[in-house]
Structure formats: C-alpha cells, structure tokens
C-alpha cells in the first residue's frame, strides 16, 4: 500500500521574526488577544506574503529547560497550522507561566481556539 503523501510545512529562517523592531511593530500596529497560556499579537500582511512567527518566553515561565520547551511547542503549533490561517499574518506568541507542564494537544487546542476567536482561521 503506498504511503500517504504529507504536505511539507517548513518553518524556515525567512518565516521567523528576529529583530526587536519587528516585534515592536507588530505590538504597535497589530491586534492582541490572550488566553491563560499565551498571548497572541498579530498583524495582517498583504496577500501572497510569507506568514511569520516570533516567540517570546520570559524568565517568569521558568528555567531554561521550561522556556525552551514552551518555545518548541509554540513553534510546532504554528508550523502545523500555518496553512489553516485565512490570510498571511505576522504572529508573536508570548508564553505564560500557566503553559508549563501542558502537552502538545492542549496547546494546539488553545492556539486554534485563539485563531478562531481572532477570525484568522479559514472557514471549513
């Protein structure tokens, strides 16, 4: 039986926000929403642009291991669902201390709920 083809969903260097000015612009010009586990800031981009992600984890989240796990979870959730967003956006996700100890499925559900609440998800 042939193996099912998977759509590639890379999260390359071009898709990451890297400079403080980019984070500040999204916070200044974009919109914001939060749940207890993370805050999402987003700014719409013109059609055809590449969606971009930035992740912030402060020391309030925990030690280096906990912060790194939070970053990995948030990047992976964005990567998996980048094609479910209705228009290209720049997103900054800010991890909150309540996120520590939560699994991938839990964070994924919260992320999709936040996108739905913000009106960023494609209509099924």
C-alpha atoms as a PDB file:
ATOM      1  CA  UNK A   1       0.000   0.000   0.000  1.00  0.00           C
ATOM      2  CA  UNK A   2       1.541   3.384  -0.967  1.00  0.00           C
ATOM      3  CA  UNK A   3       2.475   5.755   1.788  1.00  0.00           C
ATOM      4  CA  UNK A   4       0.209   8.807   2.097  1.00  0.00           C
ATOM      5  CA  UNK A   5       1.875  11.998   0.912  1.00  0.00           C
ATOM      6  CA  UNK A   6       2.257  14.651   3.528  1.00  0.00           C
ATOM      7  CA  UNK A   7       2.248  18.337   2.755  1.00  0.00           C
ATOM      8  CA  UNK A   8       5.516  19.929   3.757  1.00  0.00           C
ATOM      9  CA  UNK A   9       5.111  22.675   6.301  1.00  0.00           C
ATOM     10  CA  UNK A  10       8.572  24.072   6.910  1.00  0.00           C
ATOM     11  CA  UNK A  11       9.368  26.810   9.378  1.00  0.00           C
ATOM     12  CA  UNK A  12      12.483  28.235   7.789  1.00  0.00           C
ATOM     13  CA  UNK A  13      14.600  31.209   8.707  1.00  0.00           C
ATOM     14  CA  UNK A  14      12.585  33.549   6.454  1.00  0.00           C
ATOM     15  CA  UNK A  15       9.449  32.733   8.447  1.00  0.00           C
ATOM     16  CA  UNK A  16      10.866  33.779  11.815  1.00  0.00           C
ATOM     17  CA  UNK A  17      10.841  37.226  13.333  1.00  0.00           C
ATOM     18  CA  UNK A  18      14.342  38.001  14.547  1.00  0.00           C
ATOM     19  CA  UNK A  19      14.732  41.698  15.338  1.00  0.00           C
ATOM     20  CA  UNK A  20      13.282  43.696  18.195  1.00  0.00           C
ATOM     21  CA  UNK A  21      11.887  46.264  15.787  1.00  0.00           C
ATOM     22  CA  UNK A  22       9.737  43.613  14.109  1.00  0.00           C
ATOM     23  CA  UNK A  23       8.277  42.539  17.447  1.00  0.00           C
ATOM     24  CA  UNK A  24       7.638  46.173  18.414  1.00  0.00           C
ATOM     25  CA  UNK A  25       5.939  46.935  15.067  1.00  0.00           C
ATOM     26  CA  UNK A  26       3.535  44.012  15.483  1.00  0.00           C
ATOM     27  CA  UNK A  27       2.723  45.063  19.023  1.00  0.00           C
ATOM     28  CA  UNK A  28       2.228  48.691  17.956  1.00  0.00           C
ATOM     29  CA  UNK A  29       0.314  48.171  14.675  1.00  0.00           C
ATOM     30  CA  UNK A  30      -1.308  44.799  15.240  1.00  0.00           C
ATOM     31  CA  UNK A  31      -4.025  43.312  17.382  1.00  0.00           C
ATOM     32  CA  UNK A  32      -3.806  41.298  20.592  1.00  0.00           C
ATOM     33  CA  UNK A  33      -5.689  38.542  22.346  1.00  0.00           C
ATOM     34  CA  UNK A  34      -4.878  36.209  25.204  1.00  0.00           C
ATOM     35  CA  UNK A  35      -5.857  33.048  26.951  1.00  0.00           C
ATOM     36  CA  UNK A  36      -4.316  31.847  30.198  1.00  0.00           C
ATOM     37  CA  UNK A  37      -1.470  30.004  28.481  1.00  0.00           C
ATOM     38  CA  UNK A  38      -0.105  32.504  25.968  1.00  0.00           C
ATOM     39  CA  UNK A  39      -0.720  35.903  24.422  1.00  0.00           C
ATOM     40  CA  UNK A  40      -1.059  36.273  20.658  1.00  0.00           C
ATOM     41  CA  UNK A  41      -0.203  39.503  18.842  1.00  0.00           C
ATOM     42  CA  UNK A  42      -0.816  39.553  15.101  1.00  0.00           C
ATOM     43  CA  UNK A  43      -0.616  41.867  12.139  1.00  0.00           C
ATOM     44  CA  UNK A  44      -2.135  41.147   8.744  1.00  0.00           C
ATOM     45  CA  UNK A  45       0.158  41.033   5.722  1.00  0.00           C
ATOM     46  CA  UNK A  46      -0.656  41.627   2.045  1.00  0.00           C
ATOM     47  CA  UNK A  47      -1.863  38.643   0.014  1.00  0.00           C
ATOM     48  CA  UNK A  48       0.983  36.459  -1.208  1.00  0.00           C
ATOM     49  CA  UNK A  49       3.309  37.343   1.680  1.00  0.00           C
ATOM     50  CA  UNK A  50       5.004  34.698   3.800  1.00  0.00           C
ATOM     51  CA  UNK A  51       3.480  34.138   7.268  1.00  0.00           C
ATOM     52  CA  UNK A  52       5.994  34.863  10.021  1.00  0.00           C
ATOM     53  CA  UNK A  53       6.319  33.906  13.688  1.00  0.00           C
ATOM     54  CA  UNK A  54       8.096  35.259  16.737  1.00  0.00           C
ATOM     55  CA  UNK A  55       8.056  33.616  20.155  1.00  0.00           C
ATOM     56  CA  UNK A  56       8.779  35.311  23.480  1.00  0.00           C
ATOM     57  CA  UNK A  57       9.464  33.394  26.693  1.00  0.00           C
ATOM     58  CA  UNK A  58      10.441  35.414  29.741  1.00  0.00           C
ATOM     59  CA  UNK A  59      12.100  34.090  32.878  1.00  0.00           C
ATOM     60  CA  UNK A  60       8.676  34.138  34.537  1.00  0.00           C
ATOM     61  CA  UNK A  61       7.889  30.980  32.545  1.00  0.00           C
ATOM     62  CA  UNK A  62      10.586  29.036  34.383  1.00  0.00           C
ATOM     63  CA  UNK A  63      14.130  27.803  33.990  1.00  0.00           C
ATOM     64  CA  UNK A  64      15.886  27.410  30.619  1.00  0.00           C
ATOM     65  CA  UNK A  65      14.503  23.914  30.044  1.00  0.00           C
ATOM     66  CA  UNK A  66      10.896  25.040  30.584  1.00  0.00           C
ATOM     67  CA  UNK A  67      11.344  28.121  28.400  1.00  0.00           C
ATOM     68  CA  UNK A  68      12.887  26.071  25.584  1.00  0.00           C
ATOM     69  CA  UNK A  69      10.013  23.555  25.709  1.00  0.00           C
ATOM     70  CA  UNK A  70       7.464  26.385  25.590  1.00  0.00           C
ATOM     71  CA  UNK A  71       9.217  27.849  22.518  1.00  0.00           C
ATOM     72  CA  UNK A  72       9.324  24.445  20.785  1.00  0.00           C
ATOM     73  CA  UNK A  73       5.621  23.818  21.447  1.00  0.00           C
ATOM     74  CA  UNK A  74       4.558  27.229  20.153  1.00  0.00           C
ATOM     75  CA  UNK A  75       6.736  26.993  17.030  1.00  0.00           C
ATOM     76  CA  UNK A  76       5.446  23.488  16.272  1.00  0.00           C
ATOM     77  CA  UNK A  77       1.795  24.530  16.656  1.00  0.00           C
ATOM     78  CA  UNK A  78       2.363  27.455  14.271  1.00  0.00           C
ATOM     79  CA  UNK A  79       4.196  25.208  11.812  1.00  0.00           C
ATOM     80  CA  UNK A  80       1.423  22.602  11.776  1.00  0.00           C
ATOM     81  CA  UNK A  81      -1.354  25.135  11.239  1.00  0.00           C
ATOM     82  CA  UNK A  82       0.295  27.804   9.088  1.00  0.00           C
ATOM     83  CA  UNK A  83      -1.886  26.802   6.120  1.00  0.00           C
ATOM     84  CA  UNK A  84      -5.091  26.992   8.183  1.00  0.00           C
ATOM     85  CA  UNK A  85      -4.796  30.767   8.551  1.00  0.00           C
ATOM     86  CA  UNK A  86      -7.096  32.682   6.191  1.00  0.00           C
ATOM     87  CA  UNK A  87      -4.555  35.384   5.228  1.00  0.00           C
ATOM     88  CA  UNK A  88      -0.806  35.813   5.677  1.00  0.00           C
ATOM     89  CA  UNK A  89      -0.022  37.210   9.121  1.00  0.00           C
ATOM     90  CA  UNK A  90       2.886  38.033  11.365  1.00  0.00           C
ATOM     91  CA  UNK A  91       2.293  36.454  14.763  1.00  0.00           C
ATOM     92  CA  UNK A  92       4.088  36.956  18.058  1.00  0.00           C
ATOM     93  CA  UNK A  93       3.290  34.360  20.713  1.00  0.00           C
ATOM     94  CA  UNK A  94       4.195  35.202  24.308  1.00  0.00           C
ATOM     95  CA  UNK A  95       4.360  32.168  26.609  1.00  0.00           C
ATOM     96  CA  UNK A  96       2.759  32.489  30.050  1.00  0.00           C
ATOM     97  CA  UNK A  97       3.751  30.559  33.212  1.00  0.00           C
ATOM     98  CA  UNK A  98       0.488  28.544  33.099  1.00  0.00           C
ATOM     99  CA  UNK A  99       1.765  26.889  29.917  1.00  0.00           C
ATOM    100  CA  UNK A 100       4.414  24.907  31.808  1.00  0.00           C
ATOM    101  CA  UNK A 101       3.547  21.227  32.016  1.00  0.00           C
ATOM    102  CA  UNK A 102       0.888  21.317  29.306  1.00  0.00           C
ATOM    103  CA  UNK A 103       1.134  18.890  26.398  1.00  0.00           C
ATOM    104  CA  UNK A 104       1.143  19.472  22.672  1.00  0.00           C
ATOM    105  CA  UNK A 105      -2.542  18.602  22.184  1.00  0.00           C
ATOM    106  CA  UNK A 106      -3.610  21.042  24.897  1.00  0.00           C
ATOM    107  CA  UNK A 107      -1.534  23.933  23.497  1.00  0.00           C
ATOM    108  CA  UNK A 108      -2.687  23.116  19.962  1.00  0.00           C
ATOM    109  CA  UNK A 109      -6.355  23.304  21.019  1.00  0.00           C
ATOM    110  CA  UNK A 110      -5.751  26.631  22.777  1.00  0.00           C
ATOM    111  CA  UNK A 111      -3.920  28.018  19.711  1.00  0.00           C
ATOM    112  CA  UNK A 112      -6.722  27.021  17.340  1.00  0.00           C
ATOM    113  CA  UNK A 113      -9.307  28.497  19.705  1.00  0.00           C
ATOM    114  CA  UNK A 114      -7.362  31.771  19.757  1.00  0.00           C
ATOM    115  CA  UNK A 115      -7.158  31.859  15.944  1.00  0.00           C
ATOM    116  CA  UNK A 116     -10.881  31.144  15.720  1.00  0.00           C
ATOM    117  CA  UNK A 117     -11.640  33.896  18.247  1.00  0.00           C
ATOM    118  CA  UNK A 118      -9.464  36.339  16.283  1.00  0.00           C
ATOM    119  CA  UNK A 119     -11.167  35.400  12.992  1.00  0.00           C
ATOM    120  CA  UNK A 120      -7.914  34.178  11.455  1.00  0.00           C
ATOM    121  CA  UNK A 121      -8.906  30.570  10.675  1.00  0.00           C
ATOM    122  CA  UNK A 122     -10.080  29.529   7.225  1.00  0.00           C
ATOM    123  CA  UNK A 123     -13.728  28.551   7.034  1.00  0.00           C
ATOM    124  CA  UNK A 124     -14.038  24.773   6.693  1.00  0.00           C
END
